[in-house]
Amino acid sequence: MSTLKIGMSSKSWSRVLLSRATSRLGVAVAVGQALLFFFAGPGRMLAADPQPLDKAHLLSYLRYTEGWTDSVEAAADDPKPSPIPGFSEVDVHLTFPKGKLDRIYYLSADGKTLVGGSLYDLGASPFKIALSKLTTANAPSKGPEDAPVTIIVFSDFECPFCRDESKLLLEDIPKKYPKEVRIVFKDFPLEPVHTWARKAAISSHCIIDQNPAAYWAFHETMYAHQGEINDGNLDTRIQEFATQQKLDTLRLTTCIQTKATGGIVEKSEAEGHALGISQTPTLFINGRLVTGAVPLDKLEMVIQWELKREAGGAKAGADKCCEVSPPTVVKH
């Protein structure tokens, strides 16, 4: 298998590799857009003795490999345990003018090999890592909690693709799968691309505090009038909605102004970053990552896959307005 070493030509850096690593519990496979990085100095052979992770070297290496421009600020966390035996997880945080993004890498036990992409343990669910990070606490949902298929959607009230996907998830899917599918909505406001999405998300949870059932009416109102809403009239729109729903407007205003539910939104956002989300909508169907606005026929195809697995006794495992990505020298 080809390996990447510092000092190789830029053409070699772009190769997509398939890495296989054995473990006590089975075979772990790195697939998809996975890059296998071997950390050695120019012209040096890899030493057998374990070495600690050099964060400065790691970030410099990734900046060159990924082609991040100078406008991208990068920081790396210390390695931490991962669900895959033999590898630890290293989270890299990117900040740039149009947003921020977290990238997840996996570090070998000897500290010299880094895998960027997905790791699969063939002895467990292929979506084990995602499922270990997904939560549904404080997230509004529709459908039975014991439904065989759970769709968790990270959404943004200002995202037009989220608006379109919401219609499918809240109208078409429940009609056809009233007992089989549960829909869970999570907040992922894309700042600074979308300027009023966070405030709308905070407001939605303030509404839940007063009347959980009113959330869905607010959800529908925000998307139905999305094109008319802006930073200047958002507060007025929320107050009009609160009056129609007979909510305590003073209590609601206080909740919004003090950002009393901001922590719920931030926790949901942090969860999304930990999962490597960079666009909305992003769906996880029984842990399976599905990005962008998914047509109804494709959505049903995945649902049917999961229902057939459940019936068989298996464990269920365009425009760039709603996506953030770090500036790079060349497009990947």
Protein backbone atom coordinates (compact mmCIF):
# COMPACT_ATOMS: atom_id res chain seq x y z
CA MET A 1 0.00 0.00 0.00
CA SER A 2 1.25 3.49 -0.79
CA THR A 3 2.10 5.75 2.12
CA LEU A 4 2.32 9.51 2.49
CA LYS A 5 5.48 11.06 3.90
CA ILE A 6 6.59 14.63 4.31
CA GLY A 7 8.63 15.63 1.30
CA MET A 8 6.51 13.79 -1.27
CA SER A 9 5.11 15.65 -4.27
CA SER A 10 1.84 17.57 -3.88
CA LYS A 11 0.23 15.19 -6.37
CA SER A 12 0.82 12.28 -4.02
CA TRP A 13 -0.79 14.10 -1.12
CA SER A 14 -4.22 13.95 -2.74
CA ARG A 15 -4.48 10.18 -2.93
CA VAL A 16 -7.43 8.55 -1.17
CA LEU A 17 -6.31 5.50 0.69
CA LEU A 18 -8.11 2.51 2.12
CA SER A 19 -6.60 1.66 5.49
CA ARG A 20 -7.22 -1.57 7.33
CA ALA A 21 -6.24 -2.12 10.92
CA THR A 22 -6.76 -5.25 12.97
CA SER A 23 -7.99 -5.17 16.56
CA ARG A 24 -8.87 -7.60 19.30
CA LEU A 25 -12.59 -7.15 18.61
CA GLY A 26 -12.43 -7.62 14.85
CA VAL A 27 -11.30 -5.57 11.89
CA ALA A 28 -11.46 -1.80 11.76
CA VAL A 29 -11.65 -0.33 8.27
CA ALA A 30 -11.05 3.29 7.26
CA VAL A 31 -13.10 4.02 4.14
CA GLY A 32 -14.68 6.83 2.13
CA GLN A 33 -12.78 10.10 1.90
CA ALA A 34 -10.08 8.72 4.16
CA LEU A 35 -6.50 9.89 4.12
CA LEU A 36 -3.83 7.88 5.89
CA PHE A 37 -1.05 10.15 7.15
CA PHE A 38 2.31 8.83 8.31
CA PHE A 39 4.20 11.31 10.48
CA ALA A 40 7.92 11.19 9.85
CA GLY A 41 10.42 13.92 9.18
CA PRO A 42 11.84 14.42 5.68
CA GLY A 43 13.89 11.39 4.68
CA ARG A 44 13.42 9.69 8.08
CA MET A 45 12.21 6.16 8.62
CA LEU A 46 9.42 5.61 11.12
CA ALA A 47 10.82 4.77 14.54
CA ALA A 48 9.46 1.85 16.53
CA ASP A 49 9.38 3.69 19.86
CA PRO A 50 6.10 5.53 20.70
CA GLN A 51 6.30 9.31 20.47
CA PRO A 52 3.90 11.93 21.91
CA LEU A 53 1.72 13.88 19.48
CA ASP A 54 3.39 17.08 18.30
CA LYS A 55 0.39 19.38 17.81
CA ALA A 56 2.35 22.07 16.00
CA HIS A 57 3.66 19.50 13.53
CA LEU A 58 0.19 17.97 13.15
CA LEU A 59 -1.47 21.30 12.34
CA SER A 60 1.31 22.34 9.98
CA TYR A 61 1.08 18.99 8.25
CA LEU A 62 -2.71 19.22 7.89
CA ARG A 63 -2.60 22.85 6.73
CA TYR A 64 -0.28 21.86 3.89
CA THR A 65 -2.17 18.65 3.08
CA GLU A 66 -5.67 20.18 3.17
CA GLY A 67 -4.54 23.47 1.65
CA TRP A 68 -6.05 25.70 4.34
CA THR A 69 -5.36 29.38 3.68
CA ASP A 70 -3.88 31.81 6.22
CA SER A 71 -7.41 32.98 7.11
CA VAL A 72 -8.06 29.62 8.75
CA GLU A 73 -7.14 29.34 12.43
CA ALA A 74 -6.60 25.76 13.57
CA ALA A 75 -6.33 24.20 17.02
CA ALA A 76 -6.05 20.55 18.06
CA ASP A 77 -7.29 18.83 21.22
CA ASP A 78 -5.31 16.21 23.07
CA PRO A 79 -5.94 12.63 21.89
CA LYS A 80 -8.87 10.99 23.67
CA PRO A 81 -10.35 7.47 23.68
CA SER A 82 -12.35 6.52 20.60
CA PRO A 83 -14.89 3.73 20.11
CA ILE A 84 -12.41 1.99 17.80
CA PRO A 85 -9.78 -0.21 19.52
CA GLY A 86 -6.22 0.77 18.68
CA PHE A 87 -7.04 4.37 17.80
CA SER A 88 -7.56 7.54 19.81
CA GLU A 89 -9.61 10.50 18.57
CA VAL A 90 -8.08 13.90 17.83
CA ASP A 91 -10.49 16.80 17.27
CA VAL A 92 -9.22 19.68 15.15
CA HIS A 93 -11.13 22.98 15.42
CA LEU A 94 -11.12 25.35 12.46
CA THR A 95 -12.21 28.99 12.62
CA PHE A 96 -12.48 31.20 9.53
CA PRO A 97 -14.31 34.37 8.46
CA LYS A 98 -17.52 32.62 7.40
CA GLY A 99 -17.83 30.18 10.25
CA LYS A 100 -16.22 27.34 12.13
CA LEU A 101 -15.88 23.62 11.64
CA ASP A 102 -14.59 20.63 13.58
CA ARG A 103 -12.68 17.83 11.87
CA ILE A 104 -12.25 14.41 13.47
CA TYR A 105 -9.10 12.35 12.97
CA TYR A 106 -8.01 9.03 14.46
CA LEU A 107 -4.50 8.52 15.81
CA SER A 108 -2.75 5.15 15.99
CA ALA A 109 -1.41 3.87 19.30
CA ASP A 110 2.18 4.66 18.34
CA GLY A 111 1.25 8.30 17.61
CA LYS A 112 2.66 8.23 14.08
CA THR A 113 -0.34 7.41 11.89
CA LEU A 114 -3.37 9.65 11.46
CA VAL A 115 -6.56 8.59 9.67
CA GLY A 116 -8.94 11.21 8.33
CA GLY A 117 -12.34 9.75 7.44
CA SER A 118 -14.57 7.03 8.86
CA LEU A 119 -13.43 4.04 10.89
CA TYR A 120 -15.63 0.95 10.94
CA ASP A 121 -15.42 -1.96 13.35
CA LEU A 122 -16.81 -4.90 11.38
CA GLY A 123 -17.91 -6.53 14.63
CA ALA A 124 -20.26 -3.67 15.54
CA SER A 125 -22.78 -1.27 14.01
CA PRO A 126 -21.24 0.72 11.14
CA PHE A 127 -22.70 3.81 12.78
CA LYS A 128 -21.33 3.07 16.24
CA ILE A 129 -19.34 6.32 16.50
CA ALA A 130 -22.23 8.56 15.43
CA LEU A 131 -24.70 6.76 17.68
CA SER A 132 -22.37 7.21 20.66
CA LYS A 133 -22.46 11.00 20.15
CA LEU A 134 -26.13 11.56 19.23
CA THR A 135 -28.57 12.57 21.97
CA THR A 136 -32.26 13.47 21.97
CA ALA A 137 -32.64 15.17 25.36
CA ASN A 138 -34.43 18.57 25.17
CA ALA A 139 -34.99 18.06 21.45
CA PRO A 140 -38.56 18.32 20.12
CA SER A 141 -39.76 15.18 18.38
CA LYS A 142 -42.70 13.62 16.60
CA GLY A 143 -43.52 9.95 16.43
CA PRO A 144 -43.33 7.10 18.98
CA GLU A 145 -40.18 6.91 21.07
CA ASP A 146 -39.95 3.17 20.39
CA ALA A 147 -40.19 3.57 16.61
CA PRO A 148 -37.78 1.23 14.76
CA VAL A 149 -36.43 4.18 12.74
CA THR A 150 -35.27 7.45 14.30
CA ILE A 151 -34.36 10.39 12.09
CA ILE A 152 -32.36 13.10 13.86
CA VAL A 153 -32.14 16.24 11.75
CA PHE A 154 -29.78 19.13 12.46
CA SER A 155 -31.55 22.17 11.11
CA ASP A 156 -31.46 25.97 10.86
CA PHE A 157 -34.56 28.20 10.76
CA GLU A 158 -32.94 30.48 8.18
CA CYS A 159 -31.90 27.68 5.80
CA PRO A 160 -34.18 27.31 2.74
CA PHE A 161 -33.14 23.68 2.24
CA CYS A 162 -34.13 22.95 5.85
CA ARG A 163 -37.52 24.50 5.13
CA ASP A 164 -38.07 22.20 2.17
CA GLU A 165 -36.84 19.09 4.01
CA SER A 166 -39.04 19.93 6.99
CA LYS A 167 -42.17 19.58 4.85
CA LEU A 168 -41.18 16.04 3.92
CA LEU A 169 -40.26 15.08 7.46
CA LEU A 170 -43.34 16.55 9.16
CA GLU A 171 -45.99 15.97 6.51
CA ASP A 172 -45.16 13.15 4.11
CA ILE A 173 -43.21 10.78 6.36
CA PRO A 174 -45.69 10.75 9.30
CA LYS A 175 -48.57 10.01 6.92
CA LYS A 176 -46.86 6.93 5.51
CA TYR A 177 -44.95 5.80 8.61
CA PRO A 178 -47.02 6.90 11.64
CA LYS A 179 -45.70 4.14 13.90
CA GLU A 180 -42.41 3.29 12.24
CA VAL A 181 -40.55 6.62 12.24
CA ARG A 182 -39.68 9.15 14.91
CA ILE A 183 -38.41 12.60 13.85
CA VAL A 184 -36.12 14.54 16.21
CA PHE A 185 -35.13 18.15 15.50
CA LYS A 186 -31.79 19.55 16.65
CA ASP A 187 -30.52 23.12 16.32
CA PHE A 188 -27.48 23.93 14.21
CA PRO A 189 -27.50 27.67 13.39
CA LEU A 190 -24.95 28.46 10.69
CA GLU A 191 -23.27 31.68 11.78
CA PRO A 192 -22.31 34.14 10.44
CA VAL A 193 -23.94 33.02 7.19
CA HIS A 194 -27.37 33.10 8.82
CA THR A 195 -27.75 36.07 11.15
CA TRP A 196 -31.09 35.43 12.90
CA ALA A 197 -31.12 31.62 13.06
CA ARG A 198 -29.65 31.40 16.57
CA LYS A 199 -32.14 33.84 18.07
CA ALA A 200 -34.99 31.94 16.44
CA ALA A 201 -33.66 28.67 17.89
CA ILE A 202 -33.37 30.19 21.37
CA SER A 203 -36.91 31.55 21.01
CA SER A 204 -38.24 28.13 20.02
CA HIS A 205 -37.03 26.62 23.29
CA CYS A 206 -38.44 29.53 25.27
CA ILE A 207 -41.78 28.70 23.64
CA ILE A 208 -41.37 25.02 24.58
CA ASP A 209 -40.92 26.11 28.22
CA GLN A 210 -44.41 27.65 28.13
CA ASN A 211 -46.25 25.33 25.77
CA PRO A 212 -44.40 22.39 24.14
CA ALA A 213 -47.19 21.90 21.60
CA ALA A 214 -46.74 25.48 20.36
CA TYR A 215 -43.22 24.64 19.19
CA TRP A 216 -44.51 22.96 16.05
CA ALA A 217 -46.68 25.94 15.18
CA PHE A 218 -43.62 28.19 15.63
CA HIS A 219 -41.53 25.81 13.54
CA GLU A 220 -44.09 25.99 10.73
CA THR A 221 -44.43 29.79 11.02
CA MET A 222 -40.69 30.42 10.80
CA TYR A 223 -40.33 28.32 7.67
CA ALA A 224 -43.56 29.54 6.06
CA HIS A 225 -42.46 33.18 6.37
CA GLN A 226 -38.71 32.60 6.14
CA GLY A 227 -38.29 34.83 3.10
CA GLU A 228 -39.98 37.75 4.87
CA ILE A 229 -38.08 37.53 8.16
CA ASN A 230 -34.90 39.48 8.85
CA ASP A 231 -32.91 40.81 11.80
CA GLY A 232 -35.07 43.92 11.96
CA ASN A 233 -38.48 42.25 12.20
CA LEU A 234 -37.74 38.92 13.91
CA ASP A 235 -38.77 40.19 17.37
CA THR A 236 -42.06 41.54 15.99
CA ARG A 237 -42.80 38.24 14.25
CA ILE A 238 -42.15 36.32 17.47
CA GLN A 239 -44.39 38.62 19.48
CA GLU A 240 -47.18 38.29 16.93
CA PHE A 241 -46.87 34.52 17.12
CA ALA A 242 -46.89 34.57 20.94
CA THR A 243 -50.08 36.67 20.97
CA GLN A 244 -51.79 34.30 18.53
CA GLN A 245 -50.81 31.33 20.70
CA LYS A 246 -51.89 33.14 23.88
CA LEU A 247 -48.44 32.83 25.43
CA ASP A 248 -47.12 35.08 28.20
CA THR A 249 -45.35 37.63 25.99
CA LEU A 250 -43.49 39.31 28.86
CA ARG A 251 -42.15 35.99 30.11
CA LEU A 252 -41.20 35.02 26.55
CA THR A 253 -39.40 38.32 25.93
CA THR A 254 -37.41 37.94 29.14
CA CYS A 255 -36.45 34.39 28.23
CA ILE A 256 -35.25 35.45 24.79
CA GLN A 257 -33.38 38.56 25.92
CA THR A 258 -31.56 36.73 28.71
CA LYS A 259 -30.88 33.78 26.40
CA ALA A 260 -32.23 31.48 29.09
CA THR A 261 -32.41 28.57 26.66
CA GLY A 262 -29.17 29.42 24.86
CA GLY A 263 -27.39 26.55 26.53
CA ILE A 264 -29.72 24.03 24.88
CA VAL A 265 -28.92 25.47 21.46
CA GLU A 266 -25.18 25.55 22.19
CA LYS A 267 -25.20 21.94 23.36
CA SER A 268 -26.98 20.86 20.19
CA GLU A 269 -24.52 22.88 18.11
CA ALA A 270 -21.53 21.35 19.93
CA GLU A 271 -22.94 17.89 19.28
CA GLY A 272 -23.18 18.71 15.60
CA HIS A 273 -19.57 19.92 15.51
CA ALA A 274 -18.45 16.73 17.29
CA LEU A 275 -20.16 14.77 14.52
CA GLY A 276 -18.33 16.78 11.87
CA ILE A 277 -21.43 18.53 10.50
CA SER A 278 -20.71 21.35 8.05
CA GLN A 279 -24.09 21.96 6.44
CA THR A 280 -27.83 21.98 7.03
CA PRO A 281 -29.93 20.01 6.87
CA THR A 282 -27.91 17.03 8.06
CA LEU A 283 -29.82 13.88 8.92
CA PHE A 284 -28.86 10.80 10.90
CA ILE A 285 -31.19 7.91 10.09
CA ASN A 286 -30.58 5.29 12.79
CA GLY A 287 -27.08 6.76 12.91
CA ARG A 288 -26.53 6.81 9.13
CA LEU A 289 -25.25 10.20 7.94
CA VAL A 290 -27.31 11.77 5.13
CA THR A 291 -26.45 15.35 4.15
CA GLY A 292 -28.40 18.03 2.32
CA ALA A 293 -32.03 18.18 1.24
CA VAL A 294 -32.97 14.55 0.55
CA PRO A 295 -35.78 13.85 -1.96
CA LEU A 296 -38.73 11.87 -0.63
CA ASP A 297 -37.97 8.76 -2.70
CA LYS A 298 -34.39 8.60 -1.42
CA LEU A 299 -35.54 9.22 2.14
CA GLU A 300 -38.02 6.36 1.88
CA MET A 301 -35.34 4.11 0.42
CA VAL A 302 -33.20 4.51 3.54
CA ILE A 303 -36.22 4.08 5.82
CA GLN A 304 -37.11 0.85 4.03
CA TRP A 305 -33.54 -0.41 4.46
CA GLU A 306 -33.80 0.12 8.19
CA LEU A 307 -37.25 -1.45 8.47
CA LYS A 308 -36.08 -4.53 6.57
CA ARG A 309 -33.04 -4.85 8.85
CA GLU A 310 -35.31 -4.54 11.86
CA ALA A 311 -37.68 -7.17 10.49
CA GLY A 312 -34.71 -9.44 9.84
CA GLY A 313 -33.56 -9.16 13.45
CA ALA A 314 -30.56 -6.90 12.81
CA LYS A 315 -29.86 -3.99 15.09
CA ALA A 316 -30.78 -0.71 13.46
CA GLY A 317 -27.99 0.75 13.25
CA ALA A 318 -26.45 22.53 -5.32
CA ASP A 319 -26.20 25.90 -3.74
CA LYS A 320 -23.82 26.35 -0.81
CA CYS A 321 -26.01 28.71 1.21
CA CYS A 322 -26.35 26.21 4.01
CA GLU A 323 -22.82 24.84 4.21
CA VAL A 324 -19.62 26.04 5.81
CA SER A 325 -16.15 24.95 4.75
CA PRO A 326 -12.68 26.33 5.51
CA PRO A 327 -11.02 28.37 2.75
CA THR A 328 -8.48 26.26 0.87
CA VAL A 329 -5.99 26.94 -1.89
CA VAL A 330 -7.73 24.42 -4.17
CA LYS A 331 -11.18 22.82 -3.98
CA HIS A 332 -11.30 19.19 -2.85
